[in-house]
Amino acid sequence: MAKVDLARRAEIGREKRERTRTLIVDAGAMLLAERLREALTVDAVVEAAGVAKGTFYYHFQSIDELASAVGEKLGESFDAVLTPARLELQDPIERLSFAFTQFLEKAISDSNWARLVVQSSHSPTEFARGIRNNLKADIAEAIVQGRLSVRDAELAVDIVIGIWLQVTRGILERGARPELIRQAVEAVLRALGSSQSEQRKATKK
């Protein structure tokens, strides 16, 4: 009788559970891109994922827990978009412009991602707080350097996120016309009170 490799069997079990969990999270992300979290049901998730309801509850205790997992995955996608290139930029306005540009490029290339971001904006998550904190740090640095006329960092973050979400909605509704990203970056920097030279410098990148 062949010897049973218990360690390998356990590893296979873990891999299978992880694949199933990923399947459920992906189904949740797809559905949350179409509706608010309050309208999402376990029945809809298990149908989309092709798993039993008991399987869902093996991995998640509730829809809220699934939504948190989706938010975490979304946060990882933001990190993938920005890192490590963003960390190489020393100038805070360049970092802000780079992030804004990358987010819009991602929204143009991946409409499902864009819809998920827009829908997720209705429900604060850890990933949203992380994005906000990074933006606030860059903006606060630029304010200290005297390069923005908006002096309230929290207000400045609201302006940036508001414009970004509205432009993303426009991309989903009407598509992306030529020069959209450059004009959007200029609009953000103008709204924050940066100089024309700063705007030209940022959009040359």
C-alpha atoms as a PDB file:
ATOM      1  CA  MET A   1       0.000   0.000   0.000  1.00  0.00           C
ATOM      2  CA  ALA A   2       1.371   3.422  -1.047  1.00  0.00           C
ATOM      3  CA  LYS A   3       2.445   5.703   1.728  1.00  0.00           C
ATOM      4  CA  VAL A   4       0.121   8.667   2.193  1.00  0.00           C
ATOM      5  CA  ASP A   5       1.882  12.040   2.078  1.00  0.00           C
ATOM      6  CA  LEU A   6      -0.111  13.838   4.748  1.00  0.00           C
ATOM      7  CA  ALA A   7       1.747  17.116   4.271  1.00  0.00           C
ATOM      8  CA  ARG A   8       1.025  17.142   0.537  1.00  0.00           C
ATOM      9  CA  ARG A   9      -2.599  16.199   1.128  1.00  0.00           C
ATOM     10  CA  ALA A  10      -2.942  19.098   3.566  1.00  0.00           C
ATOM     11  CA  GLU A  11      -1.316  21.452   1.041  1.00  0.00           C
ATOM     12  CA  ILE A  12      -3.721  20.350  -1.683  1.00  0.00           C
ATOM     13  CA  GLY A  13      -6.616  20.962   0.696  1.00  0.00           C
ATOM     14  CA  ARG A  14      -5.376  24.488   1.457  1.00  0.00           C
ATOM     15  CA  GLU A  15      -4.926  25.261  -2.234  1.00  0.00           C
ATOM     16  CA  LYS A  16      -8.440  24.042  -3.005  1.00  0.00           C
ATOM     17  CA  ARG A  17      -9.932  26.142  -0.197  1.00  0.00           C
ATOM     18  CA  GLU A  18      -8.015  29.193  -1.389  1.00  0.00           C
ATOM     19  CA  ARG A  19      -9.241  28.714  -4.954  1.00  0.00           C
ATOM     20  CA  THR A  20     -12.806  28.422  -3.715  1.00  0.00           C
ATOM     21  CA  ARG A  21     -12.439  31.529  -1.555  1.00  0.00           C
ATOM     22  CA  THR A  22     -10.998  33.445  -4.514  1.00  0.00           C
ATOM     23  CA  LEU A  23     -13.926  32.296  -6.640  1.00  0.00           C
ATOM     24  CA  ILE A  24     -16.381  33.679  -4.084  1.00  0.00           C
ATOM     25  CA  VAL A  25     -14.487  36.967  -3.744  1.00  0.00           C
ATOM     26  CA  ASP A  26     -14.385  37.372  -7.529  1.00  0.00           C
ATOM     27  CA  ALA A  27     -18.124  36.737  -7.719  1.00  0.00           C
ATOM     28  CA  GLY A  28     -18.686  39.263  -4.942  1.00  0.00           C
ATOM     29  CA  ALA A  29     -16.537  41.841  -6.757  1.00  0.00           C
ATOM     30  CA  MET A  30     -18.481  41.316  -9.980  1.00  0.00           C
ATOM     31  CA  LEU A  31     -21.817  41.756  -8.220  1.00  0.00           C
ATOM     32  CA  LEU A  32     -20.677  44.716  -6.124  1.00  0.00           C
ATOM     33  CA  ALA A  33     -19.634  46.452  -9.334  1.00  0.00           C
ATOM     34  CA  GLU A  34     -23.312  46.355 -10.321  1.00  0.00           C
ATOM     35  CA  ARG A  35     -25.114  47.089  -7.055  1.00  0.00           C
ATOM     36  CA  LEU A  36     -24.714  48.520  -3.571  1.00  0.00           C
ATOM     37  CA  ARG A  37     -23.585  46.246  -0.770  1.00  0.00           C
ATOM     38  CA  GLU A  38     -26.998  46.547   0.890  1.00  0.00           C
ATOM     39  CA  ALA A  39     -28.591  44.957  -2.192  1.00  0.00           C
ATOM     40  CA  LEU A  40     -26.192  42.006  -2.324  1.00  0.00           C
ATOM     41  CA  THR A  41     -27.430  38.636  -1.054  1.00  0.00           C
ATOM     42  CA  VAL A  42     -25.705  35.353  -0.251  1.00  0.00           C
ATOM     43  CA  ASP A  43     -27.990  33.608  -2.746  1.00  0.00           C
ATOM     44  CA  ALA A  44     -26.781  35.894  -5.536  1.00  0.00           C
ATOM     45  CA  VAL A  45     -23.133  35.336  -4.602  1.00  0.00           C
ATOM     46  CA  VAL A  46     -23.336  31.525  -4.474  1.00  0.00           C
ATOM     47  CA  GLU A  47     -25.216  31.454  -7.766  1.00  0.00           C
ATOM     48  CA  ALA A  48     -22.569  33.629  -9.445  1.00  0.00           C
ATOM     49  CA  ALA A  49     -19.715  31.644  -7.893  1.00  0.00           C
ATOM     50  CA  GLY A  50     -21.288  28.251  -8.582  1.00  0.00           C
ATOM     51  CA  VAL A  51     -20.875  27.051  -4.996  1.00  0.00           C
ATOM     52  CA  ALA A  52     -23.199  25.856  -2.251  1.00  0.00           C
ATOM     53  CA  LYS A  53     -24.448  28.213   0.421  1.00  0.00           C
ATOM     54  CA  GLY A  54     -22.654  26.147   3.050  1.00  0.00           C
ATOM     55  CA  THR A  55     -19.397  26.736   1.161  1.00  0.00           C
ATOM     56  CA  PHE A  56     -19.971  30.472   1.337  1.00  0.00           C
ATOM     57  CA  TYR A  57     -20.441  30.327   5.108  1.00  0.00           C
ATOM     58  CA  TYR A  58     -17.348  28.170   5.483  1.00  0.00           C
ATOM     59  CA  HIS A  59     -15.292  31.106   4.177  1.00  0.00           C
ATOM     60  CA  PHE A  60     -17.376  34.138   5.222  1.00  0.00           C
ATOM     61  CA  GLN A  61     -19.745  34.784   8.093  1.00  0.00           C
ATOM     62  CA  SER A  62     -21.700  37.484   6.265  1.00  0.00           C
ATOM     63  CA  ILE A  63     -21.981  39.677   3.190  1.00  0.00           C
ATOM     64  CA  ASP A  64     -20.202  42.429   5.128  1.00  0.00           C
ATOM     65  CA  GLU A  65     -17.216  40.135   5.643  1.00  0.00           C
ATOM     66  CA  LEU A  66     -17.202  39.289   1.938  1.00  0.00           C
ATOM     67  CA  ALA A  67     -17.421  42.993   1.068  1.00  0.00           C
ATOM     68  CA  SER A  68     -14.383  43.636   3.273  1.00  0.00           C
ATOM     69  CA  ALA A  69     -12.484  40.923   1.390  1.00  0.00           C
ATOM     70  CA  VAL A  70     -13.486  42.545  -1.907  1.00  0.00           C
ATOM     71  CA  GLY A  71     -12.301  45.896  -0.559  1.00  0.00           C
ATOM     72  CA  GLU A  72      -8.981  44.342   0.413  1.00  0.00           C
ATOM     73  CA  LYS A  73      -8.599  42.915  -3.084  1.00  0.00           C
ATOM     74  CA  LEU A  74      -9.426  46.312  -4.554  1.00  0.00           C
ATOM     75  CA  GLY A  75      -6.812  47.894  -2.313  1.00  0.00           C
ATOM     76  CA  GLU A  76      -4.245  45.417  -3.605  1.00  0.00           C
ATOM     77  CA  SER A  77      -5.136  46.410  -7.150  1.00  0.00           C
ATOM     78  CA  PHE A  78      -4.471  50.050  -6.267  1.00  0.00           C
ATOM     79  CA  ASP A  79      -1.099  49.090  -4.825  1.00  0.00           C
ATOM     80  CA  ALA A  80      -0.279  47.155  -7.974  1.00  0.00           C
ATOM     81  CA  VAL A  81      -1.124  50.203 -10.083  1.00  0.00           C
ATOM     82  CA  LEU A  82       1.007  52.591  -8.031  1.00  0.00           C
ATOM     83  CA  THR A  83       3.892  50.563  -6.625  1.00  0.00           C
ATOM     84  CA  PRO A  84       6.835  50.702  -7.002  1.00  0.00           C
ATOM     85  CA  ALA A  85       6.900  53.497  -9.593  1.00  0.00           C
ATOM     86  CA  ARG A  86       5.148  55.995  -7.318  1.00  0.00           C
ATOM     87  CA  LEU A  87       7.713  55.458  -4.565  1.00  0.00           C
ATOM     88  CA  GLU A  88      10.471  56.584  -6.920  1.00  0.00           C
ATOM     89  CA  LEU A  89       8.939  60.060  -7.297  1.00  0.00           C
ATOM     90  CA  GLN A  90      10.237  62.578  -4.769  1.00  0.00           C
ATOM     91  CA  ASP A  91       7.974  65.492  -5.698  1.00  0.00           C
ATOM     92  CA  PRO A  92       4.521  65.409  -4.011  1.00  0.00           C
ATOM     93  CA  ILE A  93       2.706  67.020  -6.945  1.00  0.00           C
ATOM     94  CA  GLU A  94       4.327  64.576  -9.346  1.00  0.00           C
ATOM     95  CA  ARG A  95       3.196  61.715  -7.077  1.00  0.00           C
ATOM     96  CA  LEU A  96      -0.345  63.093  -7.004  1.00  0.00           C
ATOM     97  CA  SER A  97      -0.427  63.555 -10.785  1.00  0.00           C
ATOM     98  CA  PHE A  98       1.038  60.110 -11.367  1.00  0.00           C
ATOM     99  CA  ALA A  99      -1.539  58.446  -9.107  1.00  0.00           C
ATOM    100  CA  PHE A 100      -4.421  60.325 -10.719  1.00  0.00           C
ATOM    101  CA  THR A 101      -3.179  59.403 -14.201  1.00  0.00           C
ATOM    102  CA  GLN A 102      -2.697  55.737 -13.333  1.00  0.00           C
ATOM    103  CA  PHE A 103      -6.152  55.464 -11.768  1.00  0.00           C
ATOM    104  CA  LEU A 104      -7.827  56.902 -14.861  1.00  0.00           C
ATOM    105  CA  GLU A 105      -5.789  54.711 -17.199  1.00  0.00           C
ATOM    106  CA  LYS A 106      -6.871  51.681 -15.172  1.00  0.00           C
ATOM    107  CA  ALA A 107     -10.507  52.841 -15.311  1.00  0.00           C
ATOM    108  CA  ILE A 108     -10.300  53.183 -19.099  1.00  0.00           C
ATOM    109  CA  SER A 109      -8.716  49.751 -19.587  1.00  0.00           C
ATOM    110  CA  ASP A 110     -10.867  47.852 -17.058  1.00  0.00           C
ATOM    111  CA  SER A 111     -14.505  48.925 -16.894  1.00  0.00           C
ATOM    112  CA  ASN A 112     -15.421  46.270 -14.300  1.00  0.00           C
ATOM    113  CA  TRP A 113     -12.715  47.638 -11.999  1.00  0.00           C
ATOM    114  CA  ALA A 114     -13.962  51.167 -12.597  1.00  0.00           C
ATOM    115  CA  ARG A 115     -17.547  50.219 -11.766  1.00  0.00           C
ATOM    116  CA  LEU A 116     -16.409  48.471  -8.590  1.00  0.00           C
ATOM    117  CA  VAL A 117     -14.459  51.549  -7.517  1.00  0.00           C
ATOM    118  CA  VAL A 118     -17.425  53.842  -8.126  1.00  0.00           C
ATOM    119  CA  GLN A 119     -19.825  51.552  -6.282  1.00  0.00           C
ATOM    120  CA  SER A 120     -17.364  51.051  -3.420  1.00  0.00           C
ATOM    121  CA  SER A 121     -17.140  54.799  -2.949  1.00  0.00           C
ATOM    122  CA  HIS A 122     -20.622  54.645  -1.392  1.00  0.00           C
ATOM    123  CA  SER A 123     -19.332  52.442   1.436  1.00  0.00           C
ATOM    124  CA  PRO A 124     -16.089  53.481   3.216  1.00  0.00           C
ATOM    125  CA  THR A 125     -13.564  50.640   3.339  1.00  0.00           C
ATOM    126  CA  GLU A 126     -10.007  50.127   4.480  1.00  0.00           C
ATOM    127  CA  PHE A 127      -8.719  50.507   0.947  1.00  0.00           C
ATOM    128  CA  ALA A 128     -10.523  53.857   0.568  1.00  0.00           C
ATOM    129  CA  ARG A 129      -9.010  55.103   3.820  1.00  0.00           C
ATOM    130  CA  GLY A 130      -5.582  53.992   2.625  1.00  0.00           C
ATOM    131  CA  ILE A 131      -5.941  55.871  -0.662  1.00  0.00           C
ATOM    132  CA  ARG A 132      -7.181  58.941   1.189  1.00  0.00           C
ATOM    133  CA  ASN A 133      -4.251  58.854   3.615  1.00  0.00           C
ATOM    134  CA  ASN A 134      -1.716  58.641   0.777  1.00  0.00           C
ATOM    135  CA  LEU A 135      -3.354  61.535  -1.052  1.00  0.00           C
ATOM    136  CA  LYS A 136      -3.495  63.600   2.119  1.00  0.00           C
ATOM    137  CA  ALA A 137       0.211  63.017   2.797  1.00  0.00           C
ATOM    138  CA  ASP A 138       1.195  64.162  -0.706  1.00  0.00           C
ATOM    139  CA  ILE A 139      -1.115  67.181  -0.602  1.00  0.00           C
ATOM    140  CA  ALA A 140      -0.007  68.207   2.893  1.00  0.00           C
ATOM    141  CA  GLU A 141       3.614  68.127   1.738  1.00  0.00           C
ATOM    142  CA  ALA A 142       2.804  70.317  -1.271  1.00  0.00           C
ATOM    143  CA  ILE A 143       0.891  72.753   0.982  1.00  0.00           C
ATOM    144  CA  VAL A 144       3.868  73.064   3.333  1.00  0.00           C
ATOM    145  CA  GLN A 145       6.037  73.816   0.294  1.00  0.00           C
ATOM    146  CA  GLY A 146       3.666  76.667  -0.605  1.00  0.00           C
ATOM    147  CA  ARG A 147       2.736  75.168  -3.981  1.00  0.00           C
ATOM    148  CA  LEU A 148      -1.038  74.911  -3.515  1.00  0.00           C
ATOM    149  CA  SER A 149      -3.448  77.728  -2.689  1.00  0.00           C
ATOM    150  CA  VAL A 150      -5.931  75.343  -1.033  1.00  0.00           C
ATOM    151  CA  ARG A 151      -4.595  75.209   2.512  1.00  0.00           C
ATOM    152  CA  ASP A 152      -6.940  72.589   3.994  1.00  0.00           C
ATOM    153  CA  ALA A 153      -5.542  69.131   3.184  1.00  0.00           C
ATOM    154  CA  GLU A 154      -8.819  67.341   3.948  1.00  0.00           C
ATOM    155  CA  LEU A 155     -10.725  69.650   1.604  1.00  0.00           C
ATOM    156  CA  ALA A 156      -8.064  69.153  -1.061  1.00  0.00           C
ATOM    157  CA  VAL A 157      -8.421  65.368  -0.795  1.00  0.00           C
ATOM    158  CA  ASP A 158     -12.209  65.698  -1.185  1.00  0.00           C
ATOM    159  CA  ILE A 159     -11.649  67.762  -4.342  1.00  0.00           C
ATOM    160  CA  VAL A 160      -9.252  65.228  -5.861  1.00  0.00           C
ATOM    161  CA  ILE A 161     -11.412  62.194  -5.078  1.00  0.00           C
ATOM    162  CA  GLY A 162     -14.578  63.989  -6.186  1.00  0.00           C
ATOM    163  CA  ILE A 163     -13.124  64.897  -9.568  1.00  0.00           C
ATOM    164  CA  TRP A 164     -11.595  61.453 -10.018  1.00  0.00           C
ATOM    165  CA  LEU A 165     -14.868  59.634  -9.292  1.00  0.00           C
ATOM    166  CA  GLN A 166     -16.875  61.947 -11.545  1.00  0.00           C
ATOM    167  CA  VAL A 167     -14.403  61.570 -14.416  1.00  0.00           C
ATOM    168  CA  THR A 168     -14.502  57.798 -13.918  1.00  0.00           C
ATOM    169  CA  ARG A 169     -18.304  57.854 -14.103  1.00  0.00           C
ATOM    170  CA  GLY A 170     -18.007  59.808 -17.335  1.00  0.00           C
ATOM    171  CA  ILE A 171     -15.603  57.224 -18.750  1.00  0.00           C
ATOM    172  CA  LEU A 172     -18.099  54.463 -17.960  1.00  0.00           C
ATOM    173  CA  GLU A 173     -20.998  56.375 -19.489  1.00  0.00           C
ATOM    174  CA  ARG A 174     -19.370  57.986 -22.528  1.00  0.00           C
ATOM    175  CA  GLY A 175     -15.950  56.421 -22.990  1.00  0.00           C
ATOM    176  CA  ALA A 176     -12.619  58.223 -22.926  1.00  0.00           C
ATOM    177  CA  ARG A 177     -11.973  60.924 -25.499  1.00  0.00           C
ATOM    178  CA  PRO A 178      -8.449  61.987 -26.534  1.00  0.00           C
ATOM    179  CA  GLU A 179      -6.633  64.207 -24.041  1.00  0.00           C
ATOM    180  CA  LEU A 180      -9.122  63.329 -21.289  1.00  0.00           C
ATOM    181  CA  ILE A 181      -6.497  62.261 -18.758  1.00  0.00           C
ATOM    182  CA  ARG A 182      -4.225  65.261 -19.368  1.00  0.00           C
ATOM    183  CA  GLN A 183      -7.147  67.669 -19.077  1.00  0.00           C
ATOM    184  CA  ALA A 184      -8.414  65.940 -15.929  1.00  0.00           C
ATOM    185  CA  VAL A 185      -4.989  66.162 -14.253  1.00  0.00           C
ATOM    186  CA  GLU A 186      -4.775  69.849 -15.170  1.00  0.00           C
ATOM    187  CA  ALA A 187      -8.276  70.412 -13.761  1.00  0.00           C
ATOM    188  CA  VAL A 188      -7.331  68.756 -10.460  1.00  0.00           C
ATOM    189  CA  LEU A 189      -4.155  70.796 -10.061  1.00  0.00           C
ATOM    190  CA  ARG A 190      -5.988  73.970 -11.050  1.00  0.00           C
ATOM    191  CA  ALA A 191      -8.712  73.238  -8.486  1.00  0.00           C
ATOM    192  CA  LEU A 192      -6.024  72.829  -5.821  1.00  0.00           C
ATOM    193  CA  GLY A 193      -4.501  76.145  -6.795  1.00  0.00           C
ATOM    194  CA  SER A 194      -1.223  75.034  -8.315  1.00  0.00           C
ATOM    195  CA  SER A 195       0.564  77.329 -10.738  1.00  0.00           C
ATOM    196  CA  GLN A 196       0.308  76.968 -14.510  1.00  0.00           C
ATOM    197  CA  SER A 197       3.972  75.981 -14.626  1.00  0.00           C
ATOM    198  CA  GLU A 198       3.272  73.186 -12.119  1.00  0.00           C
ATOM    199  CA  GLN A 199       0.366  72.019 -14.268  1.00  0.00           C
ATOM    200  CA  ARG A 200       2.466  71.980 -17.439  1.00  0.00           C
ATOM    201  CA  LYS A 201       5.283  70.162 -15.667  1.00  0.00           C
ATOM    202  CA  ALA A 202       2.946  67.490 -14.259  1.00  0.00           C
ATOM    203  CA  THR A 203       1.200  66.781 -17.569  1.00  0.00           C
ATOM    204  CA  LYS A 204       4.437  66.425 -19.506  1.00  0.00           C
ATOM    205  CA  LYS A 205       5.164  63.156 -17.673  1.00  0.00           C
END
